[in-house]
Amino acid sequence: MEIKYSEKAVKQFKKIHKGDRKSAAIILQSIETYAVKPSRSVNVKVLKGKYGNLKRLRAGNYRIIFEDDKNVI
């Protein structure tokens, strides 16, 4: 599965990485783990309402909001 980051996501990640490298590593590891084996990720939930086409991945104290179309996240 291919991972594509939005410009806003890259900007936010750089801020997190600058202040807390451990959390940044957890975030990257969580995203990569989900990309390899999405069925084994227990920290993923489908959002409701107008965001119903998006998913939320919990990584430590952070939440990653993403769209999963089976080939690209």
PDB file of N, CA and C in Angstrom:
ATOM      1  N   MET A   1       0.834  -1.168   0.000  1.00  0.00           N
ATOM      2  CA  MET A   1       0.000   0.000   0.000  1.00  0.00           C
ATOM      3  C   MET A   1       0.888   1.244   0.000  1.00  0.00           C
ATOM      4  N   GLU A   2       0.539   2.198  -0.806  1.00  0.00           N
ATOM      5  CA  GLU A   2       1.312   3.436  -0.925  1.00  0.00           C
ATOM      6  C   GLU A   2       0.817   4.461   0.098  1.00  0.00           C
ATOM      7  N   ILE A   3       1.736   5.220   0.661  1.00  0.00           N
ATOM      8  CA  ILE A   3       1.400   6.259   1.629  1.00  0.00           C
ATOM      9  C   ILE A   3       1.708   7.611   1.006  1.00  0.00           C
ATOM     10  N   LYS A   4       0.703   8.490   0.977  1.00  0.00           N
ATOM     11  CA  LYS A   4       0.893   9.856   0.477  1.00  0.00           C
ATOM     12  C   LYS A   4       0.545  10.816   1.610  1.00  0.00           C
ATOM     13  N   TYR A   5       1.425  11.782   1.855  1.00  0.00           N
ATOM     14  CA  TYR A   5       1.213  12.766   2.915  1.00  0.00           C
ATOM     15  C   TYR A   5       0.814  14.106   2.308  1.00  0.00           C
ATOM     16  N   SER A   6      -0.177  14.751   2.893  1.00  0.00           N
ATOM     17  CA  SER A   6      -0.557  16.089   2.438  1.00  0.00           C
ATOM     18  C   SER A   6       0.490  17.089   2.919  1.00  0.00           C
ATOM     19  N   GLU A   7       0.485  18.265   2.314  1.00  0.00           N
ATOM     20  CA  GLU A   7       1.434  19.309   2.724  1.00  0.00           C
ATOM     21  C   GLU A   7       1.219  19.687   4.185  1.00  0.00           C
ATOM     22  N   LYS A   8      -0.034  19.753   4.598  1.00  0.00           N
ATOM     23  CA  LYS A   8      -0.357  20.099   5.983  1.00  0.00           C
ATOM     24  C   LYS A   8       0.160  19.026   6.941  1.00  0.00           C
ATOM     25  N   ALA A   9       0.028  17.760   6.551  1.00  0.00           N
ATOM     26  CA  ALA A   9       0.511  16.666   7.400  1.00  0.00           C
ATOM     27  C   ALA A   9       2.024  16.733   7.567  1.00  0.00           C
ATOM     28  N   VAL A  10       2.731  17.023   6.492  1.00  0.00           N
ATOM     29  CA  VAL A  10       4.197  17.129   6.554  1.00  0.00           C
ATOM     30  C   VAL A  10       4.600  18.281   7.467  1.00  0.00           C
ATOM     31  N   LYS A  11       3.915  19.395   7.343  1.00  0.00           N
ATOM     32  CA  LYS A  11       4.215  20.567   8.169  1.00  0.00           C
ATOM     33  C   LYS A  11       3.984  20.252   9.653  1.00  0.00           C
ATOM     34  N   GLN A  12       2.869  19.612   9.966  1.00  0.00           N
ATOM     35  CA  GLN A  12       2.568  19.256  11.353  1.00  0.00           C
ATOM     36  C   GLN A  12       3.567  18.239  11.889  1.00  0.00           C
ATOM     37  N   PHE A  13       3.943  17.275  11.050  1.00  0.00           N
ATOM     38  CA  PHE A  13       4.899  16.262  11.489  1.00  0.00           C
ATOM     39  C   PHE A  13       6.253  16.890  11.818  1.00  0.00           C
ATOM     40  N   LYS A  14       6.672  17.855  11.019  1.00  0.00           N
ATOM     41  CA  LYS A  14       7.951  18.531  11.287  1.00  0.00           C
ATOM     42  C   LYS A  14       7.915  19.239  12.638  1.00  0.00           C
ATOM     43  N   LYS A  15       6.781  19.841  12.981  1.00  0.00           N
ATOM     44  CA  LYS A  15       6.640  20.496  14.282  1.00  0.00           C
ATOM     45  C   LYS A  15       6.731  19.472  15.416  1.00  0.00           C
ATOM     46  N   ILE A  16       6.063  18.355  15.245  1.00  0.00           N
ATOM     47  CA  ILE A  16       6.094  17.305  16.267  1.00  0.00           C
ATOM     48  C   ILE A  16       7.505  16.756  16.397  1.00  0.00           C
ATOM     49  N   HIS A  17       8.152  16.497  15.267  1.00  0.00           N
ATOM     50  CA  HIS A  17       9.498  15.921  15.264  1.00  0.00           C
ATOM     51  C   HIS A  17      10.494  16.845  15.955  1.00  0.00           C
ATOM     52  N   LYS A  18      10.327  18.132  15.755  1.00  0.00           N
ATOM     53  CA  LYS A  18      11.229  19.113  16.357  1.00  0.00           C
ATOM     54  C   LYS A  18      11.120  19.096  17.883  1.00  0.00           C
ATOM     55  N   GLY A  19       9.905  18.926  18.405  1.00  0.00           N
ATOM     56  CA  GLY A  19       9.687  18.985  19.843  1.00  0.00           C
ATOM     57  C   GLY A  19       9.745  17.648  20.556  1.00  0.00           C
ATOM     58  N   ASP A  20       9.361  16.579  19.874  1.00  0.00           N
ATOM     59  CA  ASP A  20       9.252  15.279  20.538  1.00  0.00           C
ATOM     60  C   ASP A  20       9.552  14.160  19.536  1.00  0.00           C
ATOM     61  N   ARG A  21      10.806  13.807  19.429  1.00  0.00           N
ATOM     62  CA  ARG A  21      11.223  12.799  18.442  1.00  0.00           C
ATOM     63  C   ARG A  21      10.637  11.418  18.726  1.00  0.00           C
ATOM     64  N   LYS A  22      10.415  11.101  19.992  1.00  0.00           N
ATOM     65  CA  LYS A  22       9.858   9.789  20.343  1.00  0.00           C
ATOM     66  C   LYS A  22       8.431   9.654  19.803  1.00  0.00           C
ATOM     67  N   SER A  23       7.621  10.685  19.985  1.00  0.00           N
ATOM     68  CA  SER A  23       6.258  10.661  19.453  1.00  0.00           C
ATOM     69  C   SER A  23       6.268  10.612  17.935  1.00  0.00           C
ATOM     70  N   ALA A  24       7.184  11.320  17.313  1.00  0.00           N
ATOM     71  CA  ALA A  24       7.297  11.307  15.856  1.00  0.00           C
ATOM     72  C   ALA A  24       7.599   9.900  15.354  1.00  0.00           C
ATOM     73  N   ALA A  25       8.465   9.186  16.057  1.00  0.00           N
ATOM     74  CA  ALA A  25       8.797   7.812  15.675  1.00  0.00           C
ATOM     75  C   ALA A  25       7.583   6.898  15.832  1.00  0.00           C
ATOM     76  N   ILE A  26       6.808   7.092  16.895  1.00  0.00           N
ATOM     77  CA  ILE A  26       5.603   6.287  17.120  1.00  0.00           C
ATOM     78  C   ILE A  26       4.588   6.534  16.010  1.00  0.00           C
ATOM     79  N   ILE A  27       4.440   7.787  15.609  1.00  0.00           N
ATOM     80  CA  ILE A  27       3.501   8.130  14.539  1.00  0.00           C
ATOM     81  C   ILE A  27       3.900   7.442  13.236  1.00  0.00           C
ATOM     82  N   LEU A  28       5.158   7.562  12.847  1.00  0.00           N
ATOM     83  CA  LEU A  28       5.620   6.922  11.605  1.00  0.00           C
ATOM     84  C   LEU A  28       5.464   5.414  11.655  1.00  0.00           C
ATOM     85  N   GLN A  29       5.812   4.819  12.784  1.00  0.00           N
ATOM     86  CA  GLN A  29       5.700   3.368  12.930  1.00  0.00           C
ATOM     87  C   GLN A  29       4.238   2.926  12.815  1.00  0.00           C
ATOM     88  N   SER A  30       3.326   3.670  13.417  1.00  0.00           N
ATOM     89  CA  SER A  30       1.905   3.327  13.352  1.00  0.00           C
ATOM     90  C   SER A  30       1.376   3.396  11.927  1.00  0.00           C
ATOM     91  N   ILE A  31       1.762   4.438  11.205  1.00  0.00           N
ATOM     92  CA  ILE A  31       1.314   4.588   9.816  1.00  0.00           C
ATOM     93  C   ILE A  31       1.867   3.460   8.953  1.00  0.00           C
ATOM     94  N   GLU A  32       3.146   3.156   9.100  1.00  0.00           N
ATOM     95  CA  GLU A  32       3.763   2.099   8.299  1.00  0.00           C
ATOM     96  C   GLU A  32       3.187   0.728   8.641  1.00  0.00           C
ATOM     97  N   THR A  33       2.909   0.482   9.914  1.00  0.00           N
ATOM     98  CA  THR A  33       2.315  -0.789  10.327  1.00  0.00           C
ATOM     99  C   THR A  33       0.935  -0.948   9.709  1.00  0.00           C
ATOM    100  N   TYR A  34       0.132   0.109   9.732  1.00  0.00           N
ATOM    101  CA  TYR A  34      -1.198   0.045   9.130  1.00  0.00           C
ATOM    102  C   TYR A  34      -1.104  -0.200   7.626  1.00  0.00           C
ATOM    103  N   ALA A  35      -0.147   0.432   6.968  1.00  0.00           N
ATOM    104  CA  ALA A  35       0.004   0.272   5.520  1.00  0.00           C
ATOM    105  C   ALA A  35       0.337  -1.168   5.147  1.00  0.00           C
ATOM    106  N   VAL A  36       1.112  -1.850   5.997  1.00  0.00           N
ATOM    107  CA  VAL A  36       1.507  -3.228   5.716  1.00  0.00           C
ATOM    108  C   VAL A  36       0.385  -4.212   6.048  1.00  0.00           C
ATOM    109  N   LYS A  37      -0.226  -4.062   7.233  1.00  0.00           N
ATOM    110  CA  LYS A  37      -1.268  -4.997   7.668  1.00  0.00           C
ATOM    111  C   LYS A  37      -2.447  -4.236   8.262  1.00  0.00           C
ATOM    112  N   PRO A  38      -3.318  -3.697   7.422  1.00  0.00           N
ATOM    113  CA  PRO A  38      -4.448  -2.916   7.937  1.00  0.00           C
ATOM    114  C   PRO A  38      -5.412  -3.730   8.788  1.00  0.00           C
ATOM    115  N   SER A  39      -5.524  -5.001   8.539  1.00  0.00           N
ATOM    116  CA  SER A  39      -6.467  -5.826   9.293  1.00  0.00           C
ATOM    117  C   SER A  39      -6.020  -6.069  10.724  1.00  0.00           C
ATOM    118  N   ARG A  40      -4.750  -5.877  11.033  1.00  0.00           N
ATOM    119  CA  ARG A  40      -4.239  -6.142  12.375  1.00  0.00           C
ATOM    120  C   ARG A  40      -4.192  -4.897  13.257  1.00  0.00           C
ATOM    121  N   SER A  41      -4.562  -3.756  12.722  1.00  0.00           N
ATOM    122  CA  SER A  41      -4.509  -2.507  13.483  1.00  0.00           C
ATOM    123  C   SER A  41      -5.770  -2.357  14.326  1.00  0.00           C
ATOM    124  N   VAL A  42      -5.602  -2.371  15.643  1.00  0.00           N
ATOM    125  CA  VAL A  42      -6.744  -2.251  16.542  1.00  0.00           C
ATOM    126  C   VAL A  42      -7.037  -0.799  16.909  1.00  0.00           C
ATOM    127  N   ASN A  43      -6.118   0.097  16.637  1.00  0.00           N
ATOM    128  CA  ASN A  43      -6.290   1.503  16.985  1.00  0.00           C
ATOM    129  C   ASN A  43      -6.881   2.317  15.841  1.00  0.00           C
ATOM    130  N   VAL A  44      -7.622   1.670  14.948  1.00  0.00           N
ATOM    131  CA  VAL A  44      -8.221   2.362  13.809  1.00  0.00           C
ATOM    132  C   VAL A  44      -9.737   2.317  13.943  1.00  0.00           C
ATOM    133  N   LYS A  45     -10.365   3.472  13.763  1.00  0.00           N
ATOM    134  CA  LYS A  45     -11.823   3.545  13.794  1.00  0.00           C
ATOM    135  C   LYS A  45     -12.299   4.345  12.592  1.00  0.00           C
ATOM    136  N   VAL A  46     -13.472   3.982  12.082  1.00  0.00           N
ATOM    137  CA  VAL A  46     -14.096   4.734  11.000  1.00  0.00           C
ATOM    138  C   VAL A  46     -14.828   5.908  11.637  1.00  0.00           C
ATOM    139  N   LEU A  47     -14.637   7.101  11.088  1.00  0.00           N
ATOM    140  CA  LEU A  47     -15.308   8.283  11.618  1.00  0.00           C
ATOM    141  C   LEU A  47     -16.771   8.290  11.193  1.00  0.00           C
ATOM    142  N   LYS A  48     -17.583   9.066  11.902  1.00  0.00           N
ATOM    143  CA  LYS A  48     -19.024   9.118  11.637  1.00  0.00           C
ATOM    144  C   LYS A  48     -19.418  10.476  11.087  1.00  0.00           C
ATOM    145  N   GLY A  49     -20.649  10.570  10.638  1.00  0.00           N
ATOM    146  CA  GLY A  49     -21.188  11.835  10.153  1.00  0.00           C
ATOM    147  C   GLY A  49     -20.617  12.230   8.808  1.00  0.00           C
ATOM    148  N   LYS A  50     -20.353  13.523   8.655  1.00  0.00           N
ATOM    149  CA  LYS A  50     -19.863  14.005   7.360  1.00  0.00           C
ATOM    150  C   LYS A  50     -18.442  13.541   7.067  1.00  0.00           C
ATOM    151  N   TYR A  51     -17.758  12.969   8.061  1.00  0.00           N
ATOM    152  CA  TYR A  51     -16.403  12.446   7.879  1.00  0.00           C
ATOM    153  C   TYR A  51     -16.409  10.921   7.768  1.00  0.00           C
ATOM    154  N   GLY A  52     -17.532  10.338   7.417  1.00  0.00           N
ATOM    155  CA  GLY A  52     -17.695   8.893   7.376  1.00  0.00           C
ATOM    156  C   GLY A  52     -16.790   8.159   6.402  1.00  0.00           C
ATOM    157  N   ASN A  53     -16.208   8.863   5.446  1.00  0.00           N
ATOM    158  CA  ASN A  53     -15.302   8.211   4.499  1.00  0.00           C
ATOM    159  C   ASN A  53     -13.854   8.223   4.990  1.00  0.00           C
ATOM    160  N   LEU A  54     -13.623   8.767   6.188  1.00  0.00           N
ATOM    161  CA  LEU A  54     -12.273   8.853   6.745  1.00  0.00           C
ATOM    162  C   LEU A  54     -12.102   7.893   7.912  1.00  0.00           C
ATOM    163  N   LYS A  55     -10.844   7.593   8.219  1.00  0.00           N
ATOM    164  CA  LYS A  55     -10.517   6.742   9.359  1.00  0.00           C
ATOM    165  C   LYS A  55      -9.587   7.488  10.294  1.00  0.00           C
ATOM    166  N   ARG A  56      -9.563   7.031  11.546  1.00  0.00           N
ATOM    167  CA  ARG A  56      -8.705   7.638  12.553  1.00  0.00           C
ATOM    168  C   ARG A  56      -7.786   6.565  13.122  1.00  0.00           C
ATOM    169  N   LEU A  57      -6.498   6.847  13.121  1.00  0.00           N
ATOM    170  CA  LEU A  57      -5.487   5.943  13.671  1.00  0.00           C
ATOM    171  C   LEU A  57      -4.897   6.594  14.909  1.00  0.00           C
ATOM    172  N   ARG A  58      -4.932   5.876  16.028  1.00  0.00           N
ATOM    173  CA  ARG A  58      -4.371   6.410  17.266  1.00  0.00           C
ATOM    174  C   ARG A  58      -2.913   6.015  17.370  1.00  0.00           C
ATOM    175  N   ALA A  59      -2.049   7.012  17.610  1.00  0.00           N
ATOM    176  CA  ALA A  59      -0.609   6.774  17.747  1.00  0.00           C
ATOM    177  C   ALA A  59      -0.121   7.551  18.964  1.00  0.00           C
ATOM    178  N   GLY A  60      -0.071   6.893  20.105  1.00  0.00           N
ATOM    179  CA  GLY A  60       0.327   7.579  21.331  1.00  0.00           C
ATOM    180  C   GLY A  60      -0.700   8.636  21.687  1.00  0.00           C
ATOM    181  N   ASN A  61      -0.260   9.867  21.889  1.00  0.00           N
ATOM    182  CA  ASN A  61      -1.163  10.973  22.212  1.00  0.00           C
ATOM    183  C   ASN A  61      -1.710  11.664  20.971  1.00  0.00           C
ATOM    184  N   TYR A  62      -1.410  11.154  19.802  1.00  0.00           N
ATOM    185  CA  TYR A  62      -1.805  11.790  18.551  1.00  0.00           C
ATOM    186  C   TYR A  62      -2.816  10.937  17.800  1.00  0.00           C
ATOM    187  N   ARG A  63      -3.608  11.613  16.948  1.00  0.00           N
ATOM    188  CA  ARG A  63      -4.574  10.938  16.096  1.00  0.00           C
ATOM    189  C   ARG A  63      -4.261  11.310  14.653  1.00  0.00           C
ATOM    190  N   ILE A  64      -4.220  10.307  13.801  1.00  0.00           N
ATOM    191  CA  ILE A  64      -3.954  10.535  12.385  1.00  0.00           C
ATOM    192  C   ILE A  64      -5.264  10.292  11.642  1.00  0.00           C
ATOM    193  N   ILE A  65      -5.738  11.296  10.941  1.00  0.00           N
ATOM    194  CA  ILE A  65      -6.961  11.184  10.158  1.00  0.00           C
ATOM    195  C   ILE A  65      -6.541  10.920   8.714  1.00  0.00           C
ATOM    196  N   PHE A  66      -7.139   9.881   8.106  1.00  0.00           N
ATOM    197  CA  PHE A  66      -6.722   9.533   6.749  1.00  0.00           C
ATOM    198  C   PHE A  66      -7.854   8.892   5.969  1.00  0.00           C
ATOM    199  N   GLU A  67      -7.665   8.852   4.669  1.00  0.00           N
ATOM    200  CA  GLU A  67      -8.586   8.196   3.755  1.00  0.00           C
ATOM    201  C   GLU A  67      -7.882   6.952   3.232  1.00  0.00           C
ATOM    202  N   ASP A  68      -8.572   5.832   3.277  1.00  0.00           N
ATOM    203  CA  ASP A  68      -7.990   4.559   2.851  1.00  0.00           C
ATOM    204  C   ASP A  68      -8.773   4.041   1.651  1.00  0.00           C
ATOM    205  N   ASP A  69      -8.149   4.071   0.483  1.00  0.00           N
ATOM    206  CA  ASP A  69      -8.836   3.559  -0.707  1.00  0.00           C
ATOM    207  C   ASP A  69      -8.242   2.231  -1.177  1.00  0.00           C
ATOM    208  N   LYS A  70      -7.691   1.476  -0.250  1.00  0.00           N
ATOM    209  CA  LYS A  70      -7.135   0.130  -0.456  1.00  0.00           C
ATOM    210  C   LYS A  70      -5.781   0.105  -1.162  1.00  0.00           C
ATOM    211  N   ASN A  71      -5.419   1.150  -1.899  1.00  0.00           N
ATOM    212  CA  ASN A  71      -4.111   1.203  -2.552  1.00  0.00           C
ATOM    213  C   ASN A  71      -3.241   2.344  -2.034  1.00  0.00           C
ATOM    214  N   VAL A  72      -3.900   3.406  -1.588  1.00  0.00           N
ATOM    215  CA  VAL A  72      -3.181   4.601  -1.131  1.00  0.00           C
ATOM    216  C   VAL A  72      -3.821   5.086   0.162  1.00  0.00           C
ATOM    217  N   ILE A  73      -2.957   5.437   1.125  1.00  0.00           N
ATOM    218  CA  ILE A  73      -3.489   6.072   2.336  1.00  0.00           C
ATOM    219  C   ILE A  73      -3.005   7.501   2.352  1.00  0.00           C
TER     220      ILE A  73
END
